[in-house]
């Protein structure tokens, strides 16, 4: 009988340098990569770590949420068949 206690593997927490954080934030804000791509490329474990860095150290204003209102265009009432025909006509015109 095995009497050893089960071992629990504690996830390690990394401390990143300020220079590293700013490098990641700069790359994301330039559009070189998304924050999820940055997590994967740089091996950052936390799901919201890069987002937190963007809010703290980024140049974008995160204080005001953006509300986007989608207007309904006349094309939004098209059936799929109507949309296909319209797109085929536009393609022929090209």
C-alpha atoms as a PDB file:
ATOM      1  CA  UNK A   1       0.000   0.000   0.000  1.00  0.00           C
ATOM      2  CA  UNK A   2       1.324   3.436  -0.940  1.00  0.00           C
ATOM      3  CA  UNK A   3       1.311   5.706   2.111  1.00  0.00           C
ATOM      4  CA  UNK A   4       2.934   8.718   0.479  1.00  0.00           C
ATOM      5  CA  UNK A   5       0.944  11.905   0.392  1.00  0.00           C
ATOM      6  CA  UNK A   6      -0.187  13.163  -2.975  1.00  0.00           C
ATOM      7  CA  UNK A   7       2.044  15.883  -4.336  1.00  0.00           C
ATOM      8  CA  UNK A   8       0.408  19.067  -5.485  1.00  0.00           C
ATOM      9  CA  UNK A   9       2.160  21.061  -8.170  1.00  0.00           C
ATOM     10  CA  UNK A  10       1.782  24.723  -7.430  1.00  0.00           C
ATOM     11  CA  UNK A  11       1.700  26.886 -10.501  1.00  0.00           C
ATOM     12  CA  UNK A  12       4.653  29.223 -10.527  1.00  0.00           C
ATOM     13  CA  UNK A  13       4.114  32.943 -10.666  1.00  0.00           C
ATOM     14  CA  UNK A  14       6.575  34.844 -12.780  1.00  0.00           C
ATOM     15  CA  UNK A  15       7.771  38.342 -12.045  1.00  0.00           C
ATOM     16  CA  UNK A  16       8.310  40.155 -15.306  1.00  0.00           C
ATOM     17  CA  UNK A  17      10.582  43.144 -15.656  1.00  0.00           C
ATOM     18  CA  UNK A  18       9.094  46.513 -16.495  1.00  0.00           C
ATOM     19  CA  UNK A  19      11.040  46.544 -19.758  1.00  0.00           C
ATOM     20  CA  UNK A  20       9.527  43.210 -20.773  1.00  0.00           C
ATOM     21  CA  UNK A  21       6.001  44.397 -19.933  1.00  0.00           C
ATOM     22  CA  UNK A  22       6.477  47.578 -21.949  1.00  0.00           C
ATOM     23  CA  UNK A  23       7.862  45.598 -24.884  1.00  0.00           C
ATOM     24  CA  UNK A  24       4.779  43.346 -24.929  1.00  0.00           C
ATOM     25  CA  UNK A  25       2.399  46.304 -24.530  1.00  0.00           C
ATOM     26  CA  UNK A  26       4.130  48.187 -27.350  1.00  0.00           C
ATOM     27  CA  UNK A  27       3.912  45.192 -29.700  1.00  0.00           C
ATOM     28  CA  UNK A  28       0.201  44.732 -29.003  1.00  0.00           C
ATOM     29  CA  UNK A  29      -0.631  48.428 -29.345  1.00  0.00           C
ATOM     30  CA  UNK A  30       1.280  48.679 -32.641  1.00  0.00           C
ATOM     31  CA  UNK A  31      -0.863  45.872 -33.976  1.00  0.00           C
ATOM     32  CA  UNK A  32       2.018  43.445 -34.442  1.00  0.00           C
ATOM     33  CA  UNK A  33       0.035  40.836 -32.501  1.00  0.00           C
ATOM     34  CA  UNK A  34      -3.083  40.413 -30.430  1.00  0.00           C
ATOM     35  CA  UNK A  35      -2.874  40.074 -26.678  1.00  0.00           C
ATOM     36  CA  UNK A  36      -3.631  36.360 -26.972  1.00  0.00           C
ATOM     37  CA  UNK A  37      -0.827  35.916 -29.500  1.00  0.00           C
ATOM     38  CA  UNK A  38       1.509  37.787 -27.138  1.00  0.00           C
ATOM     39  CA  UNK A  39       0.594  35.393 -24.327  1.00  0.00           C
ATOM     40  CA  UNK A  40       1.431  32.409 -26.500  1.00  0.00           C
ATOM     41  CA  UNK A  41       4.603  33.841 -28.069  1.00  0.00           C
ATOM     42  CA  UNK A  42       6.105  35.094 -24.810  1.00  0.00           C
ATOM     43  CA  UNK A  43       4.860  32.180 -22.672  1.00  0.00           C
ATOM     44  CA  UNK A  44       2.754  34.297 -20.331  1.00  0.00           C
ATOM     45  CA  UNK A  45       0.545  31.985 -18.271  1.00  0.00           C
ATOM     46  CA  UNK A  46      -2.149  34.297 -16.934  1.00  0.00           C
ATOM     47  CA  UNK A  47      -5.151  34.847 -19.179  1.00  0.00           C
ATOM     48  CA  UNK A  48      -5.585  38.488 -18.203  1.00  0.00           C
ATOM     49  CA  UNK A  49      -1.965  39.403 -17.502  1.00  0.00           C
ATOM     50  CA  UNK A  50      -1.364  41.148 -20.826  1.00  0.00           C
ATOM     51  CA  UNK A  51      -4.708  42.964 -20.585  1.00  0.00           C
ATOM     52  CA  UNK A  52      -3.742  44.231 -17.140  1.00  0.00           C
ATOM     53  CA  UNK A  53      -0.431  45.471 -18.524  1.00  0.00           C
ATOM     54  CA  UNK A  54      -2.234  47.202 -21.391  1.00  0.00           C
ATOM     55  CA  UNK A  55      -4.493  49.034 -18.954  1.00  0.00           C
ATOM     56  CA  UNK A  56      -1.653  50.036 -16.622  1.00  0.00           C
ATOM     57  CA  UNK A  57       1.153  50.825 -19.046  1.00  0.00           C
ATOM     58  CA  UNK A  58      -0.488  51.308 -22.428  1.00  0.00           C
ATOM     59  CA  UNK A  59      -1.204  54.538 -24.236  1.00  0.00           C
ATOM     60  CA  UNK A  60      -4.877  53.811 -24.894  1.00  0.00           C
ATOM     61  CA  UNK A  61      -7.609  55.253 -22.679  1.00  0.00           C
ATOM     62  CA  UNK A  62      -9.388  52.383 -20.911  1.00  0.00           C
ATOM     63  CA  UNK A  63     -11.451  54.588 -18.580  1.00  0.00           C
ATOM     64  CA  UNK A  64     -14.339  55.150 -20.979  1.00  0.00           C
ATOM     65  CA  UNK A  65     -15.956  52.044 -22.465  1.00  0.00           C
ATOM     66  CA  UNK A  66     -16.857  52.357 -26.104  1.00  0.00           C
ATOM     67  CA  UNK A  67     -20.437  51.754 -27.074  1.00  0.00           C
ATOM     68  CA  UNK A  68     -20.990  50.773 -30.648  1.00  0.00           C
ATOM     69  CA  UNK A  69     -24.412  51.121 -32.128  1.00  0.00           C
ATOM     70  CA  UNK A  70     -25.018  49.038 -35.183  1.00  0.00           C
ATOM     71  CA  UNK A  71     -27.377  50.626 -37.642  1.00  0.00           C
ATOM     72  CA  UNK A  72     -29.563  48.449 -39.774  1.00  0.00           C
ATOM     73  CA  UNK A  73     -28.811  48.831 -43.424  1.00  0.00           C
ATOM     74  CA  UNK A  74     -31.299  47.945 -46.151  1.00  0.00           C
ATOM     75  CA  UNK A  75     -29.045  45.004 -47.012  1.00  0.00           C
ATOM     76  CA  UNK A  76     -29.617  43.464 -43.591  1.00  0.00           C
ATOM     77  CA  UNK A  77     -33.162  42.472 -44.571  1.00  0.00           C
ATOM     78  CA  UNK A  78     -31.918  40.449 -47.529  1.00  0.00           C
ATOM     79  CA  UNK A  79     -32.459  36.752 -47.613  1.00  0.00           C
ATOM     80  CA  UNK A  80     -29.349  34.652 -48.247  1.00  0.00           C
ATOM     81  CA  UNK A  81     -30.486  34.016 -51.826  1.00  0.00           C
ATOM     82  CA  UNK A  82     -30.972  37.744 -52.428  1.00  0.00           C
ATOM     83  CA  UNK A  83     -27.555  38.474 -50.987  1.00  0.00           C
ATOM     84  CA  UNK A  84     -25.920  35.901 -53.277  1.00  0.00           C
ATOM     85  CA  UNK A  85     -27.606  37.412 -56.345  1.00  0.00           C
ATOM     86  CA  UNK A  86     -26.597  40.932 -55.324  1.00  0.00           C
ATOM     87  CA  UNK A  87     -22.991  39.891 -54.768  1.00  0.00           C
ATOM     88  CA  UNK A  88     -22.923  38.038 -58.118  1.00  0.00           C
ATOM     89  CA  UNK A  89     -24.183  41.203 -59.860  1.00  0.00           C
ATOM     90  CA  UNK A  90     -21.511  43.287 -58.099  1.00  0.00           C
ATOM     91  CA  UNK A  91     -18.885  40.773 -59.151  1.00  0.00           C
ATOM     92  CA  UNK A  92     -20.030  40.942 -62.797  1.00  0.00           C
ATOM     93  CA  UNK A  93     -19.827  44.721 -62.674  1.00  0.00           C
ATOM     94  CA  UNK A  94     -16.208  44.473 -61.598  1.00  0.00           C
END
